[in-house]
Amino acid sequence: MLVSLLAFLLVIGICVIIHEGGHYLTAVWRGVQVHEFSFGMGPRIFSKKKNGVLWSIRTFPIGGFVRLEGMEDEPLPEDEPDPARAFPIKRAWERFVIIAGGAFANIVLAWFLTSLLLASYGVLDAKSPVVGVLMDGYPAAEMGALPGDRVLSINGNEISEWGDIRSTFAKIGTDDVEVEVERGSERLSLFGKVPYSEEAKARLWGVQPARVKYAPGKAVVSGLTYCWNMSVEILKSLWLMVTGKLQAEVAGPVGIAVMAGNYAREGFWTFLMFLSVINLNLGLMNLLPLPALDGGRLVFLLGEMVFRRKFPEAWENRIHIVGFALLLALIAFVTWKDIARLIG
């Protein structure tokens, strides 16, 4: 439980600070006054003012905010308002950049972490039929296979891709197996028995693919490709859920805490992968055109840029308030489901 809590706080802390940091940096870039940068919600438990910005930590470590000049009806006593640097007087595209900055920062972090994973830890090579890891207690180790062996054939059936190993073992009708491998400049034949497993419904030889690391340049490009493909899959899944074509469980804070703890126990790189996926999800979800989310605000700004006039501020605020209330209700419902699932 403690591991899950600490892992959750670390994940939420990084996600929130990066997100709000995106808003902060773009606001500073466009000359908007920042009154406060807060991690957490509720009463302040720590605050320090530096360079005109109040840096604060609040009681509940769920979310955060960057408070900009002109975005509040009434300034707080500690503020030093500068109306010439107010957010509302900036051009529509500048406000668009500031609002989009948070989600953009999360997506960039996901890209960076994915690239780091590819360059430093690598990925399993699911194409080449090269032995990476031998599993204890399985026939491959007993037959004399070694990491780095390239599988050429199984009982005379040619192997060209990793997937061919499993499919070939699935179709052979005997436990007696001859596996031809290439080891360095030699070709060797390995003999042994690979019995059928009733539990797995397959013949398990007991090998895993090799792990390959990418050169830094390739890692950056491939990291972007990975994030793009994952984004497409996330949005596809979301659409299928909305249209009722896909039944899936949605995780709230409790569910994310459990997952964070599980991934943290599996090791640093697995946890880093989880952190990358969470940031990508957070960035994409925040860009959805729904009230109270950054994407909802961007819709109004797009309308302003297209039609050259602002939507009435009072009505926009009402829409966001309703959206925020619905969002809180959804979070409460999902959290209840998480707890019920955990107890069950």
Protein backbone atom coordinates (compact mmCIF):
# COMPACT_ATOMS: atom_id res chain seq x y z
CA MET A 1 0.00 0.00 0.00
CA LEU A 2 2.82 2.41 0.89
CA VAL A 3 4.57 1.70 -2.42
CA SER A 4 1.34 2.40 -4.32
CA LEU A 5 0.79 5.66 -2.44
CA LEU A 6 4.35 6.91 -3.00
CA ALA A 7 4.31 5.86 -6.66
CA PHE A 8 0.95 7.57 -7.15
CA LEU A 9 2.17 10.81 -5.54
CA LEU A 10 5.27 10.73 -7.73
CA VAL A 11 3.24 10.15 -10.92
CA ILE A 12 0.66 12.81 -10.08
CA GLY A 13 3.35 15.23 -8.95
CA ILE A 14 5.30 14.91 -12.20
CA CYS A 15 2.18 15.06 -14.39
CA VAL A 16 0.74 18.11 -12.63
CA ILE A 17 4.02 20.05 -12.40
CA ILE A 18 4.79 19.40 -16.08
CA HIS A 19 1.25 20.35 -17.12
CA GLU A 20 1.12 23.54 -15.10
CA GLY A 21 4.71 24.26 -16.08
CA GLY A 22 3.56 24.30 -19.70
CA HIS A 23 0.95 26.93 -18.86
CA TYR A 24 3.48 28.90 -16.80
CA LEU A 25 6.23 28.97 -19.43
CA THR A 26 3.91 29.95 -22.27
CA ALA A 27 2.33 32.66 -20.10
CA VAL A 28 5.75 34.10 -19.27
CA TRP A 29 6.73 33.85 -22.94
CA ARG A 30 3.70 35.91 -23.99
CA GLY A 31 4.19 38.47 -21.21
CA VAL A 32 1.27 37.47 -18.97
CA GLN A 33 1.66 38.07 -15.24
CA VAL A 34 1.64 34.88 -13.14
CA HIS A 35 0.41 35.38 -9.58
CA GLU A 36 0.66 31.81 -8.33
CA PHE A 37 1.96 28.39 -9.33
CA SER A 38 0.26 25.78 -7.14
CA PHE A 39 0.66 22.04 -6.78
CA GLY A 40 -2.42 20.53 -5.19
CA MET A 41 -5.82 21.91 -4.28
CA GLY A 42 -7.42 23.20 -1.08
CA PRO A 43 -5.76 25.24 1.71
CA ARG A 44 -2.09 26.10 1.34
CA ILE A 45 0.36 24.16 3.51
CA PHE A 46 3.48 25.84 2.11
CA SER A 47 4.13 28.94 0.03
CA LYS A 48 7.04 31.14 -0.93
CA LYS A 49 7.07 34.22 -3.11
CA LYS A 50 9.91 34.62 -5.57
CA ASN A 51 10.23 36.97 -8.54
CA GLY A 52 6.62 38.09 -8.06
CA VAL A 53 5.22 34.53 -8.23
CA LEU A 54 3.78 32.70 -5.24
CA TRP A 55 4.97 29.08 -5.34
CA SER A 56 2.65 26.98 -3.21
CA ILE A 57 1.81 23.42 -2.16
CA ARG A 58 -1.78 22.73 -1.14
CA THR A 59 -3.42 20.07 0.98
CA PHE A 60 -4.82 17.69 -1.62
CA PRO A 61 -2.21 16.45 -4.14
CA ILE A 62 -4.76 16.04 -6.94
CA GLY A 63 -4.25 18.63 -9.66
CA GLY A 64 -2.85 22.11 -9.51
CA PHE A 65 -3.14 25.46 -11.24
CA VAL A 66 -1.38 28.55 -12.52
CA ARG A 67 -3.22 31.74 -11.54
CA LEU A 68 -2.85 34.48 -14.15
CA GLU A 69 -3.62 38.17 -13.99
CA GLY A 70 -7.13 38.90 -15.21
CA MET A 71 -8.45 35.35 -14.84
CA GLU A 72 -9.94 36.02 -11.37
CA ASP A 73 -12.80 38.42 -10.60
CA GLU A 74 -11.04 39.72 -7.49
CA PRO A 75 -7.27 39.69 -6.85
CA LEU A 76 -6.02 38.12 -3.63
CA PRO A 77 -4.39 40.34 -0.96
CA GLU A 78 -0.89 39.08 -1.79
CA ASP A 79 -1.24 39.86 -5.51
CA GLU A 80 0.44 42.83 -7.15
CA PRO A 81 -1.80 43.28 -10.21
CA ASP A 82 -0.38 44.63 -13.45
CA PRO A 83 -3.38 45.16 -15.79
CA ALA A 84 -1.04 45.74 -18.73
CA ARG A 85 0.03 42.08 -18.43
CA ALA A 86 -3.46 40.60 -18.02
CA PHE A 87 -4.40 37.37 -19.76
CA PRO A 88 -7.73 38.60 -21.27
CA ILE A 89 -6.13 41.48 -23.18
CA LYS A 90 -3.78 39.21 -25.09
CA ARG A 91 -4.59 38.26 -28.66
CA ALA A 92 -6.64 35.12 -29.22
CA TRP A 93 -3.74 33.08 -30.59
CA GLU A 94 -1.60 33.98 -27.57
CA ARG A 95 -4.31 32.86 -25.17
CA PHE A 96 -4.72 29.71 -27.27
CA VAL A 97 -1.00 28.92 -26.91
CA ILE A 98 -1.10 29.48 -23.13
CA ILE A 99 -4.16 27.24 -22.64
CA ALA A 100 -2.74 24.52 -24.91
CA GLY A 101 0.68 24.74 -23.26
CA GLY A 102 -0.21 22.37 -20.41
CA ALA A 103 -1.37 19.46 -22.56
CA PHE A 104 1.47 20.08 -25.01
CA ALA A 105 4.00 19.80 -22.16
CA ASN A 106 2.55 16.43 -21.07
CA ILE A 107 2.73 15.08 -24.62
CA VAL A 108 6.32 16.32 -25.04
CA LEU A 109 7.29 14.62 -21.76
CA ALA A 110 5.72 11.37 -23.00
CA TRP A 111 7.77 11.68 -26.19
CA PHE A 112 10.96 12.36 -24.22
CA LEU A 113 10.42 9.42 -21.85
CA THR A 114 9.62 7.07 -24.73
CA SER A 115 12.79 8.16 -26.56
CA LEU A 116 14.80 7.67 -23.35
CA LEU A 117 13.38 4.17 -22.96
CA LEU A 118 14.24 3.23 -26.55
CA ALA A 119 17.80 4.56 -26.25
CA SER A 120 18.66 3.41 -22.72
CA TYR A 121 16.60 0.28 -22.11
CA GLY A 122 15.46 -0.76 -25.56
CA VAL A 123 12.50 -2.83 -26.69
CA LEU A 124 11.93 -6.50 -27.32
CA ASP A 125 12.74 -7.35 -30.92
CA ALA A 126 9.50 -9.02 -31.96
CA LYS A 127 10.72 -9.49 -35.56
CA SER A 128 14.12 -11.19 -35.60
CA PRO A 129 14.10 -14.83 -34.37
CA VAL A 130 17.03 -14.20 -32.03
CA VAL A 131 17.02 -15.71 -28.53
CA GLY A 132 17.22 -12.97 -25.90
CA VAL A 133 16.38 -14.63 -22.58
CA LEU A 134 16.21 -18.29 -21.58
CA MET A 135 13.47 -19.13 -19.09
CA ASP A 136 14.45 -21.44 -16.23
CA GLY A 137 12.95 -24.91 -16.25
CA TYR A 138 12.00 -24.94 -19.93
CA PRO A 139 13.36 -27.13 -22.78
CA ALA A 140 15.37 -24.43 -24.56
CA ALA A 141 17.91 -24.16 -21.73
CA GLU A 142 18.12 -27.96 -21.39
CA MET A 143 18.72 -28.33 -25.15
CA GLY A 144 21.71 -25.99 -24.98
CA ALA A 145 20.25 -22.82 -26.54
CA LEU A 146 22.08 -19.59 -25.65
CA PRO A 147 21.16 -15.89 -25.76
CA GLY A 148 22.13 -14.55 -29.18
CA ASP A 149 21.26 -17.75 -31.07
CA ARG A 150 19.36 -17.08 -34.29
CA VAL A 151 16.72 -19.77 -34.87
CA LEU A 152 16.90 -20.99 -38.47
CA SER A 153 14.48 -23.94 -38.47
CA ILE A 154 12.37 -26.19 -36.25
CA ASN A 155 11.96 -29.80 -37.42
CA GLY A 156 12.88 -28.63 -40.91
CA ASN A 157 10.38 -25.74 -40.96
CA GLU A 158 12.18 -22.52 -41.90
CA ILE A 159 12.02 -19.68 -39.35
CA SER A 160 12.31 -16.10 -40.61
CA GLU A 161 10.50 -14.07 -37.92
CA TRP A 162 10.03 -14.34 -34.16
CA GLY A 163 6.34 -15.17 -34.55
CA ASP A 164 7.29 -18.22 -36.67
CA ILE A 165 8.76 -19.90 -33.57
CA ARG A 166 5.44 -20.05 -31.74
CA SER A 167 3.39 -20.87 -34.84
CA THR A 168 5.75 -23.70 -35.81
CA PHE A 169 5.68 -25.25 -32.33
CA ALA A 170 1.87 -25.02 -32.53
CA LYS A 171 1.65 -27.08 -35.71
CA ILE A 172 4.25 -29.82 -35.14
CA GLY A 173 2.70 -33.05 -33.86
CA THR A 174 5.58 -34.49 -31.88
CA ASP A 175 7.46 -33.80 -28.64
CA ASP A 176 10.79 -34.66 -30.29
CA VAL A 177 12.26 -31.47 -31.65
CA GLU A 178 15.33 -30.46 -33.67
CA VAL A 179 16.06 -26.74 -33.63
CA GLU A 180 18.73 -25.46 -36.00
CA VAL A 181 20.40 -22.25 -34.81
CA GLU A 182 23.12 -19.92 -36.01
CA ARG A 183 25.66 -19.11 -33.31
CA GLY A 184 28.32 -16.74 -34.55
CA SER A 185 29.65 -18.33 -37.74
CA GLU A 186 28.46 -21.83 -36.82
CA ARG A 187 25.27 -23.72 -37.54
CA LEU A 188 24.21 -26.04 -34.74
CA SER A 189 21.40 -28.52 -34.27
CA LEU A 190 19.81 -28.71 -30.82
CA PHE A 191 17.82 -31.82 -29.90
CA GLY A 192 15.30 -32.35 -27.12
CA LYS A 193 11.69 -32.79 -26.14
CA VAL A 194 9.15 -29.93 -26.05
CA PRO A 195 5.96 -31.39 -24.53
CA TYR A 196 2.52 -29.93 -25.06
CA SER A 197 1.26 -27.87 -22.11
CA GLU A 198 -2.43 -28.35 -21.38
CA GLU A 199 -2.45 -25.23 -19.23
CA ALA A 200 -0.95 -22.97 -21.90
CA LYS A 201 -2.54 -24.90 -24.79
CA ALA A 202 0.81 -24.76 -26.59
CA ARG A 203 4.32 -26.20 -26.74
CA LEU A 204 6.49 -23.89 -24.66
CA TRP A 205 10.16 -23.85 -25.69
CA GLY A 206 11.01 -21.22 -23.07
CA VAL A 207 12.65 -18.27 -24.81
CA GLN A 208 11.99 -14.53 -24.99
CA PRO A 209 13.04 -12.08 -27.73
CA ALA A 210 16.26 -10.12 -27.60
CA ARG A 211 16.17 -6.54 -26.38
CA VAL A 212 17.53 -3.93 -28.80
CA LYS A 213 18.55 -0.36 -28.00
CA TYR A 214 18.17 2.48 -30.51
CA ALA A 215 20.75 5.08 -31.39
CA PRO A 216 19.77 8.50 -29.92
CA GLY A 217 18.61 9.96 -33.25
CA LYS A 218 16.57 6.91 -34.13
CA ALA A 219 15.17 6.79 -30.59
CA VAL A 220 13.85 10.37 -30.91
CA VAL A 221 12.20 9.69 -34.27
CA SER A 222 10.84 6.29 -33.21
CA GLY A 223 9.67 7.79 -29.89
CA LEU A 224 7.56 10.27 -31.83
CA THR A 225 6.19 7.46 -33.99
CA TYR A 226 5.35 5.36 -30.93
CA CYS A 227 3.53 8.31 -29.30
CA TRP A 228 1.62 9.08 -32.47
CA ASN A 229 0.47 5.48 -32.94
CA MET A 230 -0.46 5.20 -29.27
CA SER A 231 -2.41 8.46 -29.46
CA VAL A 232 -4.39 7.15 -32.42
CA GLU A 233 -5.17 3.94 -30.49
CA ILE A 234 -6.21 5.89 -27.37
CA LEU A 235 -8.57 8.12 -29.33
CA LYS A 236 -9.96 5.15 -31.28
CA SER A 237 -10.66 3.28 -28.04
CA LEU A 238 -12.29 6.36 -26.54
CA TRP A 239 -14.57 6.73 -29.55
CA LEU A 240 -15.53 3.04 -29.42
CA MET A 241 -16.33 3.42 -25.70
CA VAL A 242 -18.49 6.48 -26.32
CA THR A 243 -20.38 4.74 -29.13
CA GLY A 244 -20.87 1.62 -27.00
CA LYS A 245 -18.82 -0.63 -29.26
CA LEU A 246 -16.17 -1.28 -26.61
CA GLN A 247 -16.66 -2.19 -22.99
CA ALA A 248 -13.70 -1.04 -20.89
CA GLU A 249 -12.93 -0.09 -17.31
CA VAL A 250 -11.88 3.51 -16.70
CA ALA A 251 -9.40 4.09 -13.88
CA GLY A 252 -9.67 7.01 -11.47
CA PRO A 253 -7.17 8.17 -8.81
CA VAL A 254 -7.44 4.92 -6.82
CA GLY A 255 -7.02 2.77 -9.91
CA ILE A 256 -4.03 4.82 -11.07
CA ALA A 257 -2.48 4.47 -7.59
CA VAL A 258 -2.80 0.68 -7.75
CA MET A 259 -1.32 0.56 -11.25
CA ALA A 260 1.51 2.93 -10.28
CA GLY A 261 2.40 0.70 -7.36
CA ASN A 262 2.35 -2.44 -9.51
CA TYR A 263 4.57 -0.90 -12.17
CA ALA A 264 6.95 0.53 -9.55
CA ARG A 265 7.43 -2.96 -8.12
CA GLU A 266 8.32 -4.28 -11.59
CA GLY A 267 11.29 -1.92 -11.86
CA PHE A 268 12.44 1.54 -12.88
CA TRP A 269 12.03 1.18 -16.63
CA THR A 270 8.57 -0.35 -16.39
CA PHE A 271 7.52 2.49 -14.12
CA LEU A 272 9.00 5.01 -16.57
CA MET A 273 6.94 3.45 -19.38
CA PHE A 274 3.81 3.80 -17.24
CA LEU A 275 4.67 7.45 -16.53
CA SER A 276 5.03 8.07 -20.27
CA VAL A 277 1.64 6.49 -21.04
CA ILE A 278 -0.09 8.45 -18.24
CA ASN A 279 1.32 11.75 -19.50
CA LEU A 280 0.24 10.98 -23.05
CA ASN A 281 -3.27 10.11 -21.84
CA LEU A 282 -3.43 13.25 -19.69
CA GLY A 283 -2.33 15.46 -22.56
CA LEU A 284 -4.84 13.98 -24.99
CA MET A 285 -7.74 13.98 -22.51
CA ASN A 286 -7.12 17.64 -21.68
CA LEU A 287 -7.39 18.51 -25.38
CA LEU A 288 -10.85 16.96 -25.74
CA PRO A 289 -13.37 19.70 -26.64
CA LEU A 290 -15.33 19.38 -23.39
CA PRO A 291 -16.32 22.16 -20.96
CA ALA A 292 -13.95 22.68 -18.00
CA LEU A 293 -11.09 20.98 -19.86
CA ASP A 294 -8.41 22.92 -21.69
CA GLY A 295 -9.84 21.59 -24.95
CA GLY A 296 -13.22 23.18 -24.15
CA ARG A 297 -11.55 26.56 -23.68
CA LEU A 298 -9.62 26.11 -26.91
CA VAL A 299 -12.92 25.62 -28.79
CA PHE A 300 -14.08 29.09 -27.69
CA LEU A 301 -10.72 30.58 -28.65
CA LEU A 302 -10.87 28.93 -32.08
CA GLY A 303 -14.34 30.42 -32.53
CA GLU A 304 -12.98 33.83 -31.59
CA MET A 305 -10.13 33.53 -34.10
CA VAL A 306 -12.50 32.42 -36.88
CA PHE A 307 -15.38 34.85 -36.24
CA ARG A 308 -13.30 37.75 -34.88
CA ARG A 309 -15.47 38.17 -31.82
CA LYS A 310 -15.48 36.81 -28.29
CA PHE A 311 -18.17 34.51 -26.97
CA PRO A 312 -19.90 36.26 -24.01
CA GLU A 313 -17.60 35.66 -21.03
CA ALA A 314 -20.44 35.15 -18.55
CA TRP A 315 -21.98 32.38 -20.66
CA GLU A 316 -18.62 30.72 -21.25
CA ASN A 317 -17.98 30.68 -17.50
CA ARG A 318 -21.39 29.12 -16.84
CA ILE A 319 -20.70 26.39 -19.39
CA HIS A 320 -17.33 25.61 -17.79
CA ILE A 321 -18.88 25.54 -14.29
CA VAL A 322 -21.46 22.99 -15.42
CA GLY A 323 -18.73 20.99 -17.14
CA PHE A 324 -16.57 21.10 -14.01
CA ALA A 325 -19.44 19.84 -11.87
CA LEU A 326 -20.04 16.96 -14.27
CA LEU A 327 -16.31 16.20 -14.30
CA LEU A 328 -16.23 16.02 -10.49
CA ALA A 329 -19.25 13.71 -10.54
CA LEU A 330 -17.52 11.47 -13.09
CA ILE A 331 -14.33 11.36 -10.98
CA ALA A 332 -16.38 10.47 -7.88
CA PHE A 333 -18.19 7.69 -9.76
CA VAL A 334 -14.99 6.23 -11.22
CA THR A 335 -13.28 6.41 -7.81
CA TRP A 336 -16.20 4.54 -6.24
CA LYS A 337 -15.91 1.89 -8.97
CA ASP A 338 -12.15 1.63 -8.33
CA ILE A 339 -12.69 1.10 -4.60
CA ALA A 340 -15.45 -1.46 -5.20
CA ARG A 341 -13.22 -3.32 -7.65
CA LEU A 342 -10.32 -3.21 -5.18
CA ILE A 343 -12.46 -4.57 -2.33
CA GLY A 344 -13.94 -7.21 -4.60
